[in-house]
Amino acid sequence: MIPFAWSYMMSAVTSGQVSPACLIPMYYVQAAPFVSFVLVAFRILQRWIIEFRIAGGENVFDPAHPERNTPESFIEAGKEVQ
Protein backbone atom coordinates (compact mmCIF):
# COMPACT_ATOMS: atom_id res chain seq x y z
CA MET A 1 0.00 0.00 0.00
CA ILE A 2 2.94 2.34 0.62
CA PRO A 3 3.87 2.63 -3.09
CA PHE A 4 0.26 3.43 -4.02
CA ALA A 5 -0.05 6.02 -1.27
CA TRP A 6 3.25 7.55 -2.42
CA SER A 7 2.07 7.82 -6.03
CA TYR A 8 -1.26 9.27 -4.83
CA MET A 9 0.57 11.95 -2.84
CA MET A 10 3.06 12.68 -5.63
CA SER A 11 0.25 13.19 -8.13
CA ALA A 12 -0.94 16.11 -6.01
CA VAL A 13 2.60 17.47 -5.71
CA THR A 14 3.15 17.45 -9.46
CA SER A 15 -0.27 18.89 -10.25
CA GLY A 16 0.12 21.81 -7.85
CA GLN A 17 -3.49 21.41 -6.77
CA VAL A 18 -4.69 23.49 -3.79
CA SER A 19 -7.85 23.26 -1.72
CA PRO A 20 -10.54 25.69 -2.90
CA ALA A 21 -11.47 27.10 0.51
CA CYS A 22 -8.19 27.25 2.43
CA LEU A 23 -5.74 27.38 -0.47
CA ILE A 24 -3.45 24.84 1.19
CA PRO A 25 -1.61 22.39 -1.03
CA MET A 26 -3.59 19.18 -1.44
CA TYR A 27 -0.51 17.07 -0.89
CA TYR A 28 -0.73 17.99 2.81
CA VAL A 29 -4.07 16.21 2.91
CA GLN A 30 -3.00 13.41 0.59
CA ALA A 31 0.15 12.74 2.62
CA ALA A 32 -1.98 11.29 5.44
CA PRO A 33 -2.38 7.79 3.90
CA PHE A 34 1.34 7.59 3.08
CA VAL A 35 2.41 8.61 6.59
CA SER A 36 -0.15 6.28 8.14
CA PHE A 37 0.96 3.26 6.11
CA VAL A 38 4.62 3.93 6.97
CA LEU A 39 3.75 4.07 10.68
CA VAL A 40 1.71 0.87 10.44
CA ALA A 41 4.59 -0.90 8.65
CA PHE A 42 6.96 0.20 11.42
CA ARG A 43 4.60 -1.12 14.11
CA ILE A 44 4.17 -4.46 12.34
CA LEU A 45 7.94 -4.84 12.02
CA GLN A 46 8.33 -3.99 15.71
CA ARG A 47 5.77 -6.64 16.67
CA TRP A 48 7.41 -9.28 14.45
CA ILE A 49 10.75 -8.68 16.15
CA ILE A 50 9.12 -9.16 19.55
CA GLU A 51 7.39 -12.36 18.40
CA PHE A 52 10.61 -13.79 16.89
CA ARG A 53 12.49 -13.05 20.11
CA ILE A 54 9.78 -14.85 22.11
CA ALA A 55 9.96 -17.80 19.70
CA GLY A 56 13.72 -17.87 20.23
CA GLY A 57 13.23 -18.40 23.94
CA GLU A 58 14.09 -14.89 25.10
CA ASN A 59 12.22 -12.97 27.80
CA VAL A 60 10.84 -9.88 26.10
CA PHE A 61 9.93 -6.36 27.22
CA ASP A 62 6.68 -5.57 25.39
CA PRO A 63 6.21 -1.85 24.60
CA ALA A 64 2.60 -2.46 23.54
CA HIS A 65 1.63 -2.93 27.19
CA PRO A 66 3.64 -0.51 29.36
CA GLU A 67 1.42 -1.15 32.36
CA ARG A 68 2.64 -4.77 32.38
CA ASN A 69 6.34 -4.18 31.85
CA THR A 70 7.81 -5.30 35.12
CA PRO A 71 10.39 -8.08 35.37
CA GLU A 72 7.66 -10.36 36.72
CA SER A 73 5.43 -9.74 33.70
CA PHE A 74 7.89 -10.44 30.88
CA ILE A 75 6.58 -12.83 28.28
CA GLU A 76 8.38 -16.12 28.68
CA ALA A 77 8.66 -18.53 25.80
CA GLY A 78 7.05 -21.90 26.27
CA LYS A 79 4.79 -20.84 29.11
CA GLU A 80 1.03 -20.77 28.85
CA VAL A 81 -0.58 -17.35 29.33
CA GLN A 82 -3.20 -17.21 32.06
PDB file of N, CA and C in Angstrom:
ATOM      1  N   MET A   1       0.808  -1.189   0.000  1.00  0.00           N
ATOM      2  CA  MET A   1       0.000   0.000   0.000  1.00  0.00           C
ATOM      3  C   MET A   1       0.859   1.265   0.000  1.00  0.00           C
ATOM      4  N   ILE A   2       2.074   1.155   0.545  1.00  0.00           N
ATOM      5  CA  ILE A   2       2.938   2.337   0.617  1.00  0.00           C
ATOM      6  C   ILE A   2       3.243   2.897  -0.772  1.00  0.00           C
ATOM      7  N   PRO A   3       3.596   2.058  -1.761  1.00  0.00           N
ATOM      8  CA  PRO A   3       3.865   2.629  -3.090  1.00  0.00           C
ATOM      9  C   PRO A   3       2.656   3.341  -3.701  1.00  0.00           C
ATOM     10  N   PHE A   4       1.461   2.798  -3.476  1.00  0.00           N
ATOM     11  CA  PHE A   4       0.260   3.431  -4.023  1.00  0.00           C
ATOM     12  C   PHE A   4      -0.037   4.751  -3.322  1.00  0.00           C
ATOM     13  N   ALA A   5       0.156   4.778  -2.017  1.00  0.00           N
ATOM     14  CA  ALA A   5      -0.054   6.023  -1.267  1.00  0.00           C
ATOM     15  C   ALA A   5       0.972   7.069  -1.691  1.00  0.00           C
ATOM     16  N   TRP A   6       2.205   6.622  -1.959  1.00  0.00           N
ATOM     17  CA  TRP A   6       3.247   7.546  -2.417  1.00  0.00           C
ATOM     18  C   TRP A   6       2.867   8.141  -3.774  1.00  0.00           C
ATOM     19  N   SER A   7       2.425   7.303  -4.705  1.00  0.00           N
ATOM     20  CA  SER A   7       2.066   7.819  -6.029  1.00  0.00           C
ATOM     21  C   SER A   7       0.845   8.730  -5.948  1.00  0.00           C
ATOM     22  N   TYR A   8      -0.090   8.419  -5.041  1.00  0.00           N
ATOM     23  CA  TYR A   8      -1.258   9.275  -4.833  1.00  0.00           C
ATOM     24  C   TYR A   8      -0.833  10.653  -4.339  1.00  0.00           C
ATOM     25  N   MET A   9       0.087  10.679  -3.376  1.00  0.00           N
ATOM     26  CA  MET A   9       0.568  11.948  -2.844  1.00  0.00           C
ATOM     27  C   MET A   9       1.372  12.714  -3.897  1.00  0.00           C
ATOM     28  N   MET A  10       2.208  12.007  -4.637  1.00  0.00           N
ATOM     29  CA  MET A  10       3.059  12.683  -5.631  1.00  0.00           C
ATOM     30  C   MET A  10       2.237  13.226  -6.793  1.00  0.00           C
ATOM     31  N   SER A  11       1.093  12.636  -7.071  1.00  0.00           N
ATOM     32  CA  SER A  11       0.250  13.186  -8.131  1.00  0.00           C
ATOM     33  C   SER A  11      -0.257  14.575  -7.745  1.00  0.00           C
ATOM     34  N   ALA A  12      -0.516  14.786  -6.470  1.00  0.00           N
ATOM     35  CA  ALA A  12      -0.939  16.111  -6.008  1.00  0.00           C
ATOM     36  C   ALA A  12       0.224  17.090  -6.010  1.00  0.00           C
ATOM     37  N   VAL A  13       1.420  16.598  -5.704  1.00  0.00           N
ATOM     38  CA  VAL A  13       2.602  17.469  -5.708  1.00  0.00           C
ATOM     39  C   VAL A  13       2.882  17.960  -7.120  1.00  0.00           C
ATOM     40  N   THR A  14       2.836  17.052  -8.079  1.00  0.00           N
ATOM     41  CA  THR A  14       3.153  17.445  -9.456  1.00  0.00           C
ATOM     42  C   THR A  14       2.057  18.303 -10.091  1.00  0.00           C
ATOM     43  N   SER A  15       0.812  18.105  -9.649  1.00  0.00           N
ATOM     44  CA  SER A  15      -0.270  18.887 -10.254  1.00  0.00           C
ATOM     45  C   SER A  15      -0.355  20.303  -9.673  1.00  0.00           C
ATOM     46  N   GLY A  16       0.186  20.496  -8.480  1.00  0.00           N
ATOM     47  CA  GLY A  16       0.119  21.814  -7.852  1.00  0.00           C
ATOM     48  C   GLY A  16      -1.268  22.178  -7.364  1.00  0.00           C
ATOM     49  N   GLN A  17      -2.102  21.192  -7.170  1.00  0.00           N
ATOM     50  CA  GLN A  17      -3.488  21.413  -6.768  1.00  0.00           C
ATOM     51  C   GLN A  17      -3.544  21.971  -5.338  1.00  0.00           C
ATOM     52  N   VAL A  18      -4.459  22.930  -5.126  1.00  0.00           N
ATOM     53  CA  VAL A  18      -4.686  23.489  -3.792  1.00  0.00           C
ATOM     54  C   VAL A  18      -6.163  23.346  -3.437  1.00  0.00           C
ATOM     55  N   SER A  19      -6.457  23.367  -2.135  1.00  0.00           N
ATOM     56  CA  SER A  19      -7.854  23.261  -1.722  1.00  0.00           C
ATOM     57  C   SER A  19      -8.575  24.566  -2.054  1.00  0.00           C
ATOM     58  N   PRO A  20      -9.814  24.487  -2.485  1.00  0.00           N
ATOM     59  CA  PRO A  20     -10.542  25.691  -2.900  1.00  0.00           C
ATOM     60  C   PRO A  20     -10.785  26.686  -1.755  1.00  0.00           C
ATOM     61  N   ALA A  21     -11.093  26.202  -0.581  1.00  0.00           N
ATOM     62  CA  ALA A  21     -11.467  27.098   0.514  1.00  0.00           C
ATOM     63  C   ALA A  21     -10.258  27.674   1.247  1.00  0.00           C
ATOM     64  N   CYS A  22      -9.312  26.810   1.597  1.00  0.00           N
ATOM     65  CA  CYS A  22      -8.185  27.254   2.430  1.00  0.00           C
ATOM     66  C   CYS A  22      -6.928  27.583   1.640  1.00  0.00           C
ATOM     67  N   LEU A  23      -6.899  27.175   0.399  1.00  0.00           N
ATOM     68  CA  LEU A  23      -5.740  27.378  -0.471  1.00  0.00           C
ATOM     69  C   LEU A  23      -4.468  26.725   0.057  1.00  0.00           C
ATOM     70  N   ILE A  24      -4.636  25.601   0.780  1.00  0.00           N
ATOM     71  CA  ILE A  24      -3.451  24.844   1.192  1.00  0.00           C
ATOM     72  C   ILE A  24      -3.173  23.785   0.133  1.00  0.00           C
ATOM     73  N   PRO A  25      -1.917  23.429  -0.046  1.00  0.00           N
ATOM     74  CA  PRO A  25      -1.606  22.390  -1.035  1.00  0.00           C
ATOM     75  C   PRO A  25      -2.289  21.067  -0.675  1.00  0.00           C
ATOM     76  N   MET A  26      -2.857  20.423  -1.673  1.00  0.00           N
ATOM     77  CA  MET A  26      -3.586  19.185  -1.437  1.00  0.00           C
ATOM     78  C   MET A  26      -2.664  18.039  -1.029  1.00  0.00           C
ATOM     79  N   TYR A  27      -1.378  18.163  -1.296  1.00  0.00           N
ATOM     80  CA  TYR A  27      -0.508  17.072  -0.889  1.00  0.00           C
ATOM     81  C   TYR A  27      -0.363  17.012   0.629  1.00  0.00           C
ATOM     82  N   TYR A  28      -0.685  18.073   1.345  1.00  0.00           N
ATOM     83  CA  TYR A  28      -0.729  17.991   2.812  1.00  0.00           C
ATOM     84  C   TYR A  28      -1.815  16.995   3.222  1.00  0.00           C
ATOM     85  N   VAL A  29      -2.954  17.098   2.608  1.00  0.00           N
ATOM     86  CA  VAL A  29      -4.067  16.208   2.913  1.00  0.00           C
ATOM     87  C   VAL A  29      -3.777  14.801   2.403  1.00  0.00           C
ATOM     88  N   GLN A  30      -3.232  14.711   1.200  1.00  0.00           N
ATOM     89  CA  GLN A  30      -3.003  13.414   0.592  1.00  0.00           C
ATOM     90  C   GLN A  30      -1.757  12.720   1.121  1.00  0.00           C
ATOM     91  N   ALA A  31      -0.991  13.382   1.980  1.00  0.00           N
ATOM     92  CA  ALA A  31       0.155  12.740   2.617  1.00  0.00           C
ATOM     93  C   ALA A  31      -0.285  11.856   3.780  1.00  0.00           C
ATOM     94  N   ALA A  32      -1.495  12.052   4.280  1.00  0.00           N
ATOM     95  CA  ALA A  32      -1.976  11.287   5.437  1.00  0.00           C
ATOM     96  C   ALA A  32      -1.951   9.773   5.209  1.00  0.00           C
ATOM     97  N   PRO A  33      -2.452   9.254   4.089  1.00  0.00           N
ATOM     98  CA  PRO A  33      -2.376   7.790   3.896  1.00  0.00           C
ATOM     99  C   PRO A  33      -0.940   7.286   3.845  1.00  0.00           C
ATOM    100  N   PHE A  34      -0.058   8.023   3.178  1.00  0.00           N
ATOM    101  CA  PHE A  34       1.343   7.591   3.083  1.00  0.00           C
ATOM    102  C   PHE A  34       1.987   7.523   4.462  1.00  0.00           C
ATOM    103  N   VAL A  35       1.829   8.573   5.243  1.00  0.00           N
ATOM    104  CA  VAL A  35       2.412   8.610   6.589  1.00  0.00           C
ATOM    105  C   VAL A  35       1.812   7.508   7.455  1.00  0.00           C
ATOM    106  N   SER A  36       0.523   7.312   7.347  1.00  0.00           N
ATOM    107  CA  SER A  36      -0.148   6.276   8.140  1.00  0.00           C
ATOM    108  C   SER A  36       0.351   4.885   7.789  1.00  0.00           C
ATOM    109  N   PHE A  37       0.487   4.583   6.510  1.00  0.00           N
ATOM    110  CA  PHE A  37       0.964   3.262   6.109  1.00  0.00           C
ATOM    111  C   PHE A  37       2.401   3.030   6.550  1.00  0.00           C
ATOM    112  N   VAL A  38       3.232   4.063   6.508  1.00  0.00           N
ATOM    113  CA  VAL A  38       4.616   3.926   6.974  1.00  0.00           C
ATOM    114  C   VAL A  38       4.636   3.625   8.474  1.00  0.00           C
ATOM    115  N   LEU A  39       3.809   4.322   9.242  1.00  0.00           N
ATOM    116  CA  LEU A  39       3.752   4.069  10.680  1.00  0.00           C
ATOM    117  C   LEU A  39       3.226   2.667  10.993  1.00  0.00           C
ATOM    118  N   VAL A  40       2.239   2.219  10.236  1.00  0.00           N
ATOM    119  CA  VAL A  40       1.711   0.869  10.438  1.00  0.00           C
ATOM    120  C   VAL A  40       2.775  -0.172  10.105  1.00  0.00           C
ATOM    121  N   ALA A  41       3.519   0.029   9.028  1.00  0.00           N
ATOM    122  CA  ALA A  41       4.586  -0.901   8.653  1.00  0.00           C
ATOM    123  C   ALA A  41       5.649  -0.965   9.750  1.00  0.00           C
ATOM    124  N   PHE A  42       5.994   0.178  10.329  1.00  0.00           N
ATOM    125  CA  PHE A  42       6.959   0.205  11.423  1.00  0.00           C
ATOM    126  C   PHE A  42       6.441  -0.589  12.620  1.00  0.00           C
ATOM    127  N   ARG A  43       5.180  -0.418  12.962  1.00  0.00           N
ATOM    128  CA  ARG A  43       4.600  -1.117  14.106  1.00  0.00           C
ATOM    129  C   ARG A  43       4.534  -2.623  13.877  1.00  0.00           C
ATOM    130  N   ILE A  44       4.200  -3.033  12.656  1.00  0.00           N
ATOM    131  CA  ILE A  44       4.169  -4.464  12.337  1.00  0.00           C
ATOM    132  C   ILE A  44       5.563  -5.062  12.449  1.00  0.00           C
ATOM    133  N   LEU A  45       6.557  -4.367  11.927  1.00  0.00           N
ATOM    134  CA  LEU A  45       7.942  -4.838  12.020  1.00  0.00           C
ATOM    135  C   LEU A  45       8.371  -4.946  13.482  1.00  0.00           C
ATOM    136  N   GLN A  46       8.012  -3.957  14.283  1.00  0.00           N
ATOM    137  CA  GLN A  46       8.330  -3.985  15.707  1.00  0.00           C
ATOM    138  C   GLN A  46       7.698  -5.219  16.374  1.00  0.00           C
ATOM    139  N   ARG A  47       6.454  -5.495  16.060  1.00  0.00           N
ATOM    140  CA  ARG A  47       5.766  -6.637  16.667  1.00  0.00           C
ATOM    141  C   ARG A  47       6.385  -7.956  16.230  1.00  0.00           C
ATOM    142  N   TRP A  48       6.771  -8.055  14.946  1.00  0.00           N
ATOM    143  CA  TRP A  48       7.410  -9.276  14.451  1.00  0.00           C
ATOM    144  C   TRP A  48       8.714  -9.545  15.194  1.00  0.00           C
ATOM    145  N   ILE A  49       9.485  -8.509  15.430  1.00  0.00           N
ATOM    146  CA  ILE A  49      10.749  -8.677  16.146  1.00  0.00           C
ATOM    147  C   ILE A  49      10.480  -9.216  17.549  1.00  0.00           C
ATOM    148  N   ILE A  50       9.472  -8.670  18.220  1.00  0.00           N
ATOM    149  CA  ILE A  50       9.117  -9.158  19.549  1.00  0.00           C
ATOM    150  C   ILE A  50       8.704 -10.627  19.484  1.00  0.00           C
ATOM    151  N   GLU A  51       7.865 -10.974  18.517  1.00  0.00           N
ATOM    152  CA  GLU A  51       7.393 -12.356  18.402  1.00  0.00           C
ATOM    153  C   GLU A  51       8.532 -13.319  18.084  1.00  0.00           C
ATOM    154  N   PHE A  52       9.478 -12.922  17.218  1.00  0.00           N
ATOM    155  CA  PHE A  52      10.609 -13.787  16.894  1.00  0.00           C
ATOM    156  C   PHE A  52      11.528 -13.974  18.101  1.00  0.00           C
ATOM    157  N   ARG A  53      11.672 -12.931  18.902  1.00  0.00           N
ATOM    158  CA  ARG A  53      12.486 -13.055  20.112  1.00  0.00           C
ATOM    159  C   ARG A  53      11.819 -13.990  21.109  1.00  0.00           C
ATOM    160  N   ILE A  54      10.502 -13.923  21.223  1.00  0.00           N
ATOM    161  CA  ILE A  54       9.782 -14.848  22.110  1.00  0.00           C
ATOM    162  C   ILE A  54       9.943 -16.280  21.598  1.00  0.00           C
ATOM    163  N   ALA A  55       9.814 -16.462  20.282  1.00  0.00           N
ATOM    164  CA  ALA A  55       9.958 -17.801  19.703  1.00  0.00           C
ATOM    165  C   ALA A  55      11.366 -18.346  19.905  1.00  0.00           C
ATOM    166  N   GLY A  56      12.339 -17.451  19.995  1.00  0.00           N
ATOM    167  CA  GLY A  56      13.723 -17.871  20.228  1.00  0.00           C
ATOM    168  C   GLY A  56      14.024 -18.181  21.680  1.00  0.00           C
ATOM    169  N   GLY A  57      13.029 -18.049  22.552  1.00  0.00           N
ATOM    170  CA  GLY A  57      13.225 -18.404  23.942  1.00  0.00           C
ATOM    171  C   GLY A  57      13.701 -17.264  24.825  1.00  0.00           C
ATOM    172  N   GLU A  58      13.612 -16.050  24.350  1.00  0.00           N
ATOM    173  CA  GLU A  58      14.092 -14.895  25.102  1.00  0.00           C
ATOM    174  C   GLU A  58      12.938 -14.236  25.861  1.00  0.00           C
ATOM    175  N   ASN A  59      13.210 -13.753  27.066  1.00  0.00           N
ATOM    176  CA  ASN A  59      12.222 -12.968  27.797  1.00  0.00           C
ATOM    177  C   ASN A  59      12.181 -11.578  27.171  1.00  0.00           C
ATOM    178  N   VAL A  60      10.987 -11.080  26.913  1.00  0.00           N
ATOM    179  CA  VAL A  60      10.841  -9.877  26.100  1.00  0.00           C
ATOM    180  C   VAL A  60      10.096  -8.781  26.853  1.00  0.00           C
ATOM    181  N   PHE A  61      10.603  -7.573  26.745  1.00  0.00           N
ATOM    182  CA  PHE A  61       9.932  -6.361  27.220  1.00  0.00           C
ATOM    183  C   PHE A  61       8.979  -5.925  26.121  1.00  0.00           C
ATOM    184  N   ASP A  62       7.681  -5.859  26.417  1.00  0.00           N
ATOM    185  CA  ASP A  62       6.679  -5.567  25.390  1.00  0.00           C
ATOM    186  C   ASP A  62       6.208  -4.123  25.488  1.00  0.00           C
ATOM    187  N   PRO A  63       6.603  -3.256  24.538  1.00  0.00           N
ATOM    188  CA  PRO A  63       6.207  -1.846  24.600  1.00  0.00           C
ATOM    189  C   PRO A  63       4.724  -1.612  24.318  1.00  0.00           C
ATOM    190  N   ALA A  64       4.025  -2.620  23.819  1.00  0.00           N
ATOM    191  CA  ALA A  64       2.598  -2.457  23.542  1.00  0.00           C
ATOM    192  C   ALA A  64       1.783  -2.400  24.827  1.00  0.00           C
ATOM    193  N   HIS A  65       2.339  -2.892  25.915  1.00  0.00           N
ATOM    194  CA  HIS A  65       1.633  -2.929  27.193  1.00  0.00           C
ATOM    195  C   HIS A  65       2.533  -2.381  28.298  1.00  0.00           C
ATOM    196  N   PRO A  66       2.722  -1.064  28.352  1.00  0.00           N
ATOM    197  CA  PRO A  66       3.642  -0.509  29.360  1.00  0.00           C
ATOM    198  C   PRO A  66       3.198  -0.752  30.790  1.00  0.00           C
ATOM    199  N   GLU A  67       1.899  -0.913  30.999  1.00  0.00           N
ATOM    200  CA  GLU A  67       1.419  -1.151  32.364  1.00  0.00           C
ATOM    201  C   GLU A  67       1.847  -2.521  32.882  1.00  0.00           C
ATOM    202  N   ARG A  68       2.240  -3.416  31.979  1.00  0.00           N
ATOM    203  CA  ARG A  68       2.637  -4.769  32.384  1.00  0.00           C
ATOM    204  C   ARG A  68       4.134  -5.008  32.269  1.00  0.00           C
ATOM    205  N   ASN A  69       4.923  -3.977  32.083  1.00  0.00           N
ATOM    206  CA  ASN A  69       6.344  -4.181  31.849  1.00  0.00           C
ATOM    207  C   ASN A  69       7.156  -4.101  33.141  1.00  0.00           C
ATOM    208  N   THR A  70       6.983  -5.109  33.938  1.00  0.00           N
ATOM    209  CA  THR A  70       7.814  -5.304  35.117  1.00  0.00           C
ATOM    210  C   THR A  70       8.554  -6.610  34.904  1.00  0.00           C
ATOM    211  N   PRO A  71       9.668  -6.818  35.572  1.00  0.00           N
ATOM    212  CA  PRO A  71      10.394  -8.085  35.367  1.00  0.00           C
ATOM    213  C   PRO A  71       9.524  -9.323  35.589  1.00  0.00           C
ATOM    214  N   GLU A  72       8.520  -9.206  36.461  1.00  0.00           N
ATOM    215  CA  GLU A  72       7.655 -10.359  36.716  1.00  0.00           C
ATOM    216  C   GLU A  72       6.684 -10.611  35.554  1.00  0.00           C
ATOM    217  N   SER A  73       6.447  -9.593  34.740  1.00  0.00           N
ATOM    218  CA  SER A  73       5.434  -9.743  33.699  1.00  0.00           C
ATOM    219  C   SER A  73       6.016  -9.947  32.304  1.00  0.00           C
ATOM    220  N   PHE A  74       7.315 -10.169  32.195  1.00  0.00           N
ATOM    221  CA  PHE A  74       7.893 -10.436  30.880  1.00  0.00           C
ATOM    222  C   PHE A  74       7.267 -11.678  30.280  1.00  0.00           C
ATOM    223  N   ILE A  75       7.132 -11.669  28.974  1.00  0.00           N
ATOM    224  CA  ILE A  75       6.582 -12.831  28.277  1.00  0.00           C
ATOM    225  C   ILE A  75       7.692 -13.883  28.203  1.00  0.00           C
ATOM    226  N   GLU A  76       7.388 -15.057  28.698  1.00  0.00           N
ATOM    227  CA  GLU A  76       8.383 -16.121  28.677  1.00  0.00           C
ATOM    228  C   GLU A  76       7.983 -17.168  27.650  1.00  0.00           C
ATOM    229  N   ALA A  77       8.926 -17.545  26.841  1.00  0.00           N
ATOM    230  CA  ALA A  77       8.661 -18.530  25.805  1.00  0.00           C
ATOM    231  C   ALA A  77       8.345 -19.885  26.416  1.00  0.00           C
ATOM    232  N   GLY A  78       7.396 -20.558  25.842  1.00  0.00           N
ATOM    233  CA  GLY A  78       7.053 -21.904  26.270  1.00  0.00           C
ATOM    234  C   GLY A  78       6.122 -21.975  27.454  1.00  0.00           C
ATOM    235  N   LYS A  79       5.716 -20.835  27.991  1.00  0.00           N
ATOM    236  CA  LYS A  79       4.789 -20.837  29.113  1.00  0.00           C
ATOM    237  C   LYS A  79       3.401 -20.451  28.639  1.00  0.00           C
ATOM    238  N   GLU A  80       2.404 -21.070  29.226  1.00  0.00           N
ATOM    239  CA  GLU A  80       1.033 -20.769  28.854  1.00  0.00           C
ATOM    240  C   GLU A  80       0.592 -19.488  29.540  1.00  0.00           C
ATOM    241  N   VAL A  81      -0.088 -18.612  28.779  1.00  0.00           N
ATOM    242  CA  VAL A  81      -0.579 -17.345  29.328  1.00  0.00           C
ATOM    243  C   VAL A  81      -1.864 -17.604  30.070  1.00  0.00           C
ATOM    244  N   GLN A  82      -1.996 -16.991  31.249  1.00  0.00           N
ATOM    245  CA  GLN A  82      -3.201 -17.209  32.060  1.00  0.00           C
ATOM    246  C   GLN A  82      -4.170 -16.100  31.890  1.00  0.00           C
TER     247      GLN A  82
END
